[in-house]
N, C-alpha and C. Protein backbone atom coordinates (compact mmCIF):
# COMPACT_ATOMS: atom_id res chain seq x y z
N UNK A 1 -10.84 84.11 65.37
CA UNK A 1 -10.22 83.35 64.69
C UNK A 1 -10.04 82.09 65.84
N UNK A 2 -9.63 80.97 65.26
CA UNK A 2 -9.84 79.73 66.20
C UNK A 2 -8.42 79.81 67.13
N UNK A 3 -8.30 78.90 67.98
CA UNK A 3 -7.01 78.73 68.85
C UNK A 3 -5.98 78.64 67.97
N UNK A 4 -5.76 77.94 66.79
CA UNK A 4 -4.91 77.54 65.94
C UNK A 4 -4.35 78.54 65.10
N UNK A 5 -4.88 79.61 64.87
CA UNK A 5 -4.73 80.61 64.00
C UNK A 5 -3.41 81.06 63.88
N UNK A 6 -2.79 81.05 63.15
CA UNK A 6 -0.96 81.36 63.19
C UNK A 6 -0.80 83.07 63.29
N UNK A 7 -1.75 83.84 63.02
CA UNK A 7 -1.90 84.99 62.85
C UNK A 7 -2.09 85.49 64.40
N UNK A 8 -2.77 84.95 65.28
CA UNK A 8 -3.01 85.15 66.71
C UNK A 8 -2.04 84.60 67.63
N UNK A 9 -1.24 83.45 67.04
CA UNK A 9 -0.70 82.81 67.79
C UNK A 9 -1.49 81.41 68.29
N UNK A 10 -0.88 80.55 69.28
CA UNK A 10 -1.66 79.54 69.80
C UNK A 10 -1.25 79.65 71.04
N UNK A 11 -2.45 78.79 71.55
CA UNK A 11 -2.62 78.69 73.17
C UNK A 11 -1.89 77.43 73.67
N UNK A 12 -0.77 77.28 74.27
CA UNK A 12 -0.27 76.39 74.92
C UNK A 12 -0.69 75.78 75.91
N UNK A 13 -0.26 74.36 76.36
CA UNK A 13 -0.93 73.76 77.39
C UNK A 13 -0.83 74.89 78.61
N UNK A 14 -1.93 74.77 79.52
CA UNK A 14 -1.74 75.65 80.67
C UNK A 14 -2.46 77.33 80.37
N UNK A 15 -2.94 77.11 79.07
CA UNK A 15 -3.47 78.45 78.86
C UNK A 15 -2.42 79.71 78.29
N UNK A 16 -1.31 79.49 78.39
CA UNK A 16 -0.22 80.59 78.22
C UNK A 16 -0.40 80.68 76.50
N UNK A 17 -0.34 82.09 76.24
CA UNK A 17 -0.21 82.23 74.65
C UNK A 17 0.99 82.32 73.87
N UNK A 18 1.11 81.65 73.04
CA UNK A 18 2.35 81.84 72.11
C UNK A 18 2.35 82.54 71.23
N UNK A 19 3.33 83.32 71.03
CA UNK A 19 3.34 84.61 69.52
C UNK A 19 3.26 83.58 68.34
N UNK A 20 2.51 84.56 67.71
CA UNK A 20 2.27 84.20 66.37
C UNK A 20 3.37 83.69 65.50
N UNK A 21 3.76 82.95 64.50
CA UNK A 21 4.87 82.58 63.85
C UNK A 21 4.58 82.66 62.30
N UNK A 22 5.44 82.93 61.44
CA UNK A 22 5.14 83.06 60.24
C UNK A 22 5.37 81.52 59.71
N UNK A 23 4.36 81.53 58.66
CA UNK A 23 4.33 79.97 58.26
C UNK A 23 5.10 79.82 56.89
N UNK A 24 5.97 79.03 56.76
CA UNK A 24 7.09 79.09 55.70
C UNK A 24 6.72 77.65 54.85
N UNK A 25 6.71 77.67 53.40
CA UNK A 25 6.56 76.42 52.87
C UNK A 25 7.67 75.48 53.27
N UNK A 26 7.78 74.28 53.40
CA UNK A 26 8.57 73.15 53.86
C UNK A 26 9.03 72.66 52.49
N UNK A 27 8.52 72.98 51.33
CA UNK A 27 9.26 72.45 49.93
C UNK A 27 10.22 73.66 49.32
N UNK A 28 11.07 73.14 49.14
CA UNK A 28 12.39 73.78 48.52
C UNK A 28 12.17 74.00 47.16
N UNK A 29 12.39 75.03 46.34
CA UNK A 29 12.28 75.33 45.04
C UNK A 29 12.87 73.92 44.30
N UNK A 30 12.52 73.61 43.32
CA UNK A 30 12.68 72.24 42.63
C UNK A 30 13.76 72.51 41.58
N UNK A 31 15.20 72.03 41.48
CA UNK A 31 16.07 72.42 40.61
C UNK A 31 15.87 72.01 39.27
N UNK A 32 16.13 72.54 38.28
CA UNK A 32 16.02 71.96 36.86
C UNK A 32 16.12 70.81 36.75
N UNK A 33 15.15 70.05 35.88
CA UNK A 33 15.30 68.75 35.98
C UNK A 33 16.50 67.94 35.36
N UNK A 34 16.84 67.26 36.19
CA UNK A 34 18.48 66.49 35.85
C UNK A 34 19.35 67.42 36.48
N UNK A 35 19.33 68.67 36.70
CA UNK A 35 20.36 69.44 36.92
C UNK A 35 21.61 68.86 38.26
N UNK A 36 20.62 67.95 39.09
CA UNK A 36 21.93 67.60 40.22
C UNK A 36 22.38 66.23 39.65
N UNK A 37 22.07 65.71 38.48
CA UNK A 37 22.91 64.63 37.89
C UNK A 37 24.19 64.88 37.60
N UNK A 38 24.41 66.33 37.20
CA UNK A 38 25.80 66.48 37.05
C UNK A 38 26.78 66.72 37.98
N UNK A 39 26.16 66.59 39.26
CA UNK A 39 26.94 66.89 40.51
C UNK A 39 27.82 65.60 41.10
N UNK A 40 27.18 64.33 40.76
CA UNK A 40 27.81 63.11 41.04
C UNK A 40 28.04 62.22 39.93
N UNK A 41 28.83 61.29 39.86
CA UNK A 41 29.02 60.33 38.62
C UNK A 41 27.99 59.34 39.04
N UNK A 42 27.21 58.89 37.98
CA UNK A 42 26.43 57.60 37.98
C UNK A 42 27.30 56.46 37.78
N UNK A 43 26.74 55.42 38.43
CA UNK A 43 27.39 53.86 38.18
C UNK A 43 27.38 53.87 36.75
N UNK A 44 28.64 53.05 36.05
CA UNK A 44 28.86 52.91 34.69
C UNK A 44 27.59 51.73 34.39
N UNK A 45 27.37 51.52 32.96
CA UNK A 45 26.25 50.76 32.63
C UNK A 45 26.74 49.53 33.04
N UNK A 46 27.93 49.10 32.78
CA UNK A 46 28.38 47.50 32.83
C UNK A 46 28.33 47.13 34.17
N UNK A 47 28.10 47.64 35.00
CA UNK A 47 27.74 47.50 36.51
C UNK A 47 26.20 47.11 37.06
N UNK A 48 25.73 47.22 35.84
CA UNK A 48 23.98 46.79 35.76
C UNK A 48 23.64 46.07 34.81
N UNK A 49 24.04 44.53 34.67
CA UNK A 49 24.00 43.88 33.34
C UNK A 49 22.35 43.87 33.15
N UNK A 50 22.22 43.70 31.84
CA UNK A 50 20.73 43.52 31.43
C UNK A 50 20.63 42.07 31.52
N UNK A 51 19.47 41.70 32.08
CA UNK A 51 19.00 40.41 32.45
C UNK A 51 18.09 39.87 31.30
N UNK A 52 18.56 39.77 30.20
CA UNK A 52 17.49 39.27 29.09
C UNK A 52 16.70 38.17 29.48
N UNK A 53 17.30 37.12 30.01
CA UNK A 53 16.67 35.86 30.45
C UNK A 53 15.24 36.21 31.31
N UNK A 54 15.59 37.26 32.25
CA UNK A 54 14.24 37.65 32.82
C UNK A 54 13.30 38.23 32.10
N UNK A 55 13.69 39.23 31.32
CA UNK A 55 12.82 39.92 30.50
C UNK A 55 12.18 39.11 29.52
N UNK A 56 12.53 38.03 29.16
CA UNK A 56 11.71 37.10 28.05
C UNK A 56 10.71 36.63 29.15
N UNK A 57 10.45 36.43 30.29
CA UNK A 57 9.59 35.85 31.06
C UNK A 57 8.66 36.79 31.49
N UNK A 58 8.65 38.19 31.13
CA UNK A 58 7.51 39.16 31.60
C UNK A 58 6.37 38.91 30.96
N UNK A 59 5.13 38.93 31.54
CA UNK A 59 3.96 38.43 30.90
C UNK A 59 3.22 39.54 30.44
N UNK A 60 3.29 40.86 31.13
CA UNK A 60 2.55 41.80 30.57
C UNK A 60 3.16 43.00 29.81
N UNK A 61 2.33 43.72 29.32
CA UNK A 61 2.51 44.83 28.35
C UNK A 61 3.66 45.65 28.91
N UNK A 62 4.71 46.08 28.27
CA UNK A 62 5.59 47.01 29.12
C UNK A 62 5.82 48.06 27.84
N UNK A 63 6.11 49.38 28.64
CA UNK A 63 6.49 50.54 27.82
C UNK A 63 7.82 50.97 28.20
N UNK A 64 8.91 51.01 27.12
CA UNK A 64 10.07 51.18 27.41
C UNK A 64 10.38 52.50 26.93
N UNK A 65 10.49 53.64 27.64
CA UNK A 65 11.10 55.00 27.18
C UNK A 65 12.33 55.44 27.66
N UNK A 66 12.85 56.05 26.90
CA UNK A 66 14.18 56.28 26.88
C UNK A 66 14.57 57.85 25.93
N UNK A 67 15.28 58.78 26.67
CA UNK A 67 15.73 59.81 26.15
C UNK A 67 16.81 59.41 25.34
N UNK A 68 16.79 60.10 23.97
CA UNK A 68 17.75 59.96 22.83
C UNK A 68 18.90 60.56 23.25
N UNK A 69 19.08 61.36 24.39
CA UNK A 69 20.43 61.49 24.74
C UNK A 69 21.08 61.22 26.15
N UNK A 70 20.31 60.02 26.66
CA UNK A 70 20.53 59.52 27.59
C UNK A 70 21.68 58.86 27.89
N UNK A 71 22.90 59.27 28.53
CA UNK A 71 23.82 58.69 28.84
C UNK A 71 24.19 57.62 29.64
N UNK A 72 23.40 57.43 30.62
CA UNK A 72 23.19 56.29 31.83
C UNK A 72 22.59 55.36 31.07
N UNK A 73 21.38 55.18 30.65
CA UNK A 73 20.98 54.12 29.99
C UNK A 73 20.75 54.40 28.20
N UNK A 74 21.44 54.34 27.62
CA UNK A 74 21.59 54.56 26.14
C UNK A 74 20.54 53.92 25.49
N UNK A 75 20.35 54.47 24.26
CA UNK A 75 19.13 53.99 23.33
C UNK A 75 19.14 52.40 23.13
N UNK A 76 20.64 52.14 23.12
CA UNK A 76 20.89 50.81 22.68
C UNK A 76 20.58 49.70 23.57
N UNK A 77 20.71 50.18 24.97
CA UNK A 77 20.14 49.11 25.95
C UNK A 77 18.60 49.24 25.98
N UNK A 78 18.01 50.43 26.01
CA UNK A 78 16.34 50.39 25.51
C UNK A 78 15.68 49.44 24.76
N UNK A 79 16.80 49.57 23.42
CA UNK A 79 16.35 48.70 22.30
C UNK A 79 16.49 47.32 22.54
N UNK A 80 17.70 46.79 23.32
CA UNK A 80 17.83 45.42 23.52
C UNK A 80 16.63 45.05 24.64
N UNK A 81 16.33 45.91 25.68
CA UNK A 81 15.08 45.72 26.40
C UNK A 81 13.95 45.14 25.64
N UNK A 82 13.73 46.05 24.82
CA UNK A 82 12.45 46.03 23.83
C UNK A 82 12.64 44.81 23.09
N UNK A 83 13.45 44.27 22.59
CA UNK A 83 13.55 43.21 21.82
C UNK A 83 13.58 41.94 22.79
N UNK A 84 13.82 42.16 23.90
CA UNK A 84 13.77 40.87 24.93
C UNK A 84 12.51 40.81 25.45
N UNK A 85 11.70 42.08 25.56
CA UNK A 85 10.49 41.62 26.16
C UNK A 85 9.21 41.20 25.09
N UNK A 86 8.71 40.60 25.57
CA UNK A 86 7.47 39.57 24.42
C UNK A 86 6.45 40.75 24.09
N UNK A 87 6.14 41.63 24.85
CA UNK A 87 5.11 42.50 24.23
C UNK A 87 5.32 43.78 25.02
N UNK A 88 6.22 44.79 24.21
CA UNK A 88 6.91 45.83 24.67
C UNK A 88 6.42 46.83 23.60
N UNK A 89 6.39 48.19 23.85
CA UNK A 89 6.22 49.24 23.17
C UNK A 89 7.79 50.23 23.33
N UNK A 90 8.52 50.53 22.40
CA UNK A 90 9.61 51.43 22.77
C UNK A 90 9.18 52.84 22.20
N UNK A 91 9.74 53.72 23.02
CA UNK A 91 9.40 55.19 22.50
C UNK A 91 10.69 56.05 23.16
N UNK A 92 11.44 56.43 22.11
CA UNK A 92 12.76 57.45 22.21
C UNK A 92 12.47 58.59 22.05
N UNK A 93 12.74 59.45 23.13
CA UNK A 93 11.88 60.79 23.15
C UNK A 93 13.31 61.87 22.94
N UNK A 94 13.14 62.33 21.98
CA UNK A 94 14.46 63.34 21.31
C UNK A 94 14.25 64.66 22.45
N UNK A 95 15.43 65.13 22.57
CA UNK A 95 15.83 66.23 23.35
C UNK A 95 15.55 65.91 24.91
N UNK A 96 15.83 64.64 25.23
CA UNK A 96 15.56 64.30 26.76
C UNK A 96 16.73 63.37 26.87
N UNK A 97 17.10 63.29 28.11
CA UNK A 97 18.12 62.47 28.72
C UNK A 97 17.54 61.49 29.52
N UNK A 98 18.18 61.41 30.65
CA UNK A 98 17.64 60.17 31.74
C UNK A 98 16.19 60.28 32.54
N UNK A 99 15.70 61.48 32.32
CA UNK A 99 14.41 61.80 32.98
C UNK A 99 13.56 62.44 31.88
N UNK A 100 13.22 61.76 30.74
CA UNK A 100 12.20 62.19 29.72
C UNK A 100 10.82 62.63 30.74
N UNK A 101 10.51 62.24 31.62
CA UNK A 101 9.27 62.49 32.25
C UNK A 101 9.22 64.02 32.65
N UNK A 102 10.34 64.37 33.04
CA UNK A 102 10.62 65.63 33.53
C UNK A 102 10.93 66.64 32.54
N UNK A 103 11.85 66.11 31.68
CA UNK A 103 12.66 67.01 30.44
C UNK A 103 11.83 67.34 29.14
N UNK A 104 10.70 66.59 28.98
CA UNK A 104 9.97 66.56 27.96
C UNK A 104 8.50 65.91 28.54
N UNK A 105 7.80 66.68 29.44
CA UNK A 105 6.45 65.98 30.18
C UNK A 105 5.65 65.98 28.91
N UNK A 106 5.30 66.72 28.27
CA UNK A 106 4.19 66.61 26.98
C UNK A 106 4.33 65.34 26.43
N UNK A 107 5.50 65.04 25.62
CA UNK A 107 5.50 64.32 25.08
C UNK A 107 5.46 62.53 25.78
N UNK A 108 6.35 62.64 27.05
CA UNK A 108 6.00 61.62 27.90
C UNK A 108 4.62 61.25 28.06
N UNK A 109 3.95 62.22 28.52
CA UNK A 109 2.58 62.18 28.79
C UNK A 109 1.65 61.63 27.82
N UNK A 110 2.09 61.90 26.43
CA UNK A 110 1.35 61.75 25.49
C UNK A 110 1.61 60.05 25.32
N UNK A 111 2.80 59.64 25.47
CA UNK A 111 3.30 58.30 25.15
C UNK A 111 2.66 57.29 26.15
N UNK A 112 2.88 57.80 27.26
CA UNK A 112 2.09 57.04 28.36
C UNK A 112 0.71 56.96 28.03
N UNK A 113 -0.21 57.98 27.69
CA UNK A 113 -1.69 57.84 27.69
C UNK A 113 -1.94 56.90 26.43
N UNK A 114 -1.12 57.35 25.69
CA UNK A 114 -1.33 55.99 24.50
C UNK A 114 -1.25 54.63 24.69
N UNK A 115 -0.14 54.49 25.38
CA UNK A 115 0.15 53.05 25.80
C UNK A 115 -0.81 52.49 26.69
N UNK A 116 -1.47 53.21 27.62
CA UNK A 116 -2.42 53.25 28.76
C UNK A 116 -3.62 52.76 28.13
N UNK A 117 -3.97 53.87 26.84
CA UNK A 117 -5.27 53.58 26.07
C UNK A 117 -4.90 52.12 25.56
N UNK A 118 -3.91 51.65 24.81
CA UNK A 118 -3.86 50.41 24.48
C UNK A 118 -4.25 49.24 25.23
N UNK A 119 -3.55 49.30 26.30
CA UNK A 119 -3.55 47.99 27.39
C UNK A 119 -4.35 48.07 28.39
N UNK A 120 -5.50 49.22 28.17
CA UNK A 120 -6.46 49.01 29.22
C UNK A 120 -7.47 48.71 28.97
């Protein structure tokens, strides 16, 4: 085995052999989607005003995706964004809250794929 093999150990500068060490993954298990959102309050929607005047100037196609059960960005906000954007597609994903890409990945990916096929 090579000098960097973890089962044999590694050779330190000066030729000293360091003992082998167990290699552990550095990635912690991922919590359930959105599980951590219940741990801390999110800013209330009135603290982040919808900039309709800015949205009307967007010149590229936009996909607006919202979870039907999203308490942070309610469907009504997504509908207002969709109405203000000149070229937008709105998709409300049932059974999802604020992270539809994690909570309903199949539906999200299908929606994104259809949108990209249309604009690509």
